[in-house]
Amino acid sequence: MFVFVEKQGSYLVGFFSPKNEWHTVKRGVTLEEAEKYVHYLNGGNQ
C-alpha cells in the first residue's frame, strides 16, 4: 500500500517494506498532489 508523509513542508509518496524500511517513489509534492498520486497508485481512478 502506498502512503504519503509530510517532511519539511512538502510531501513524500512511497511505501514501507516488510522490514519497515521507507521507499520513496515521488518527493516534493503538495498535499493535494500526494493525495491524488497515492489514490492512483493504490488502484483508484485518475
Foldseek 3Di string as FASTA:
>chain_A
DWDWDDDPQWIFIFDADPVRDTDTPDTRHHPVVNVVVRCVVVPHDD
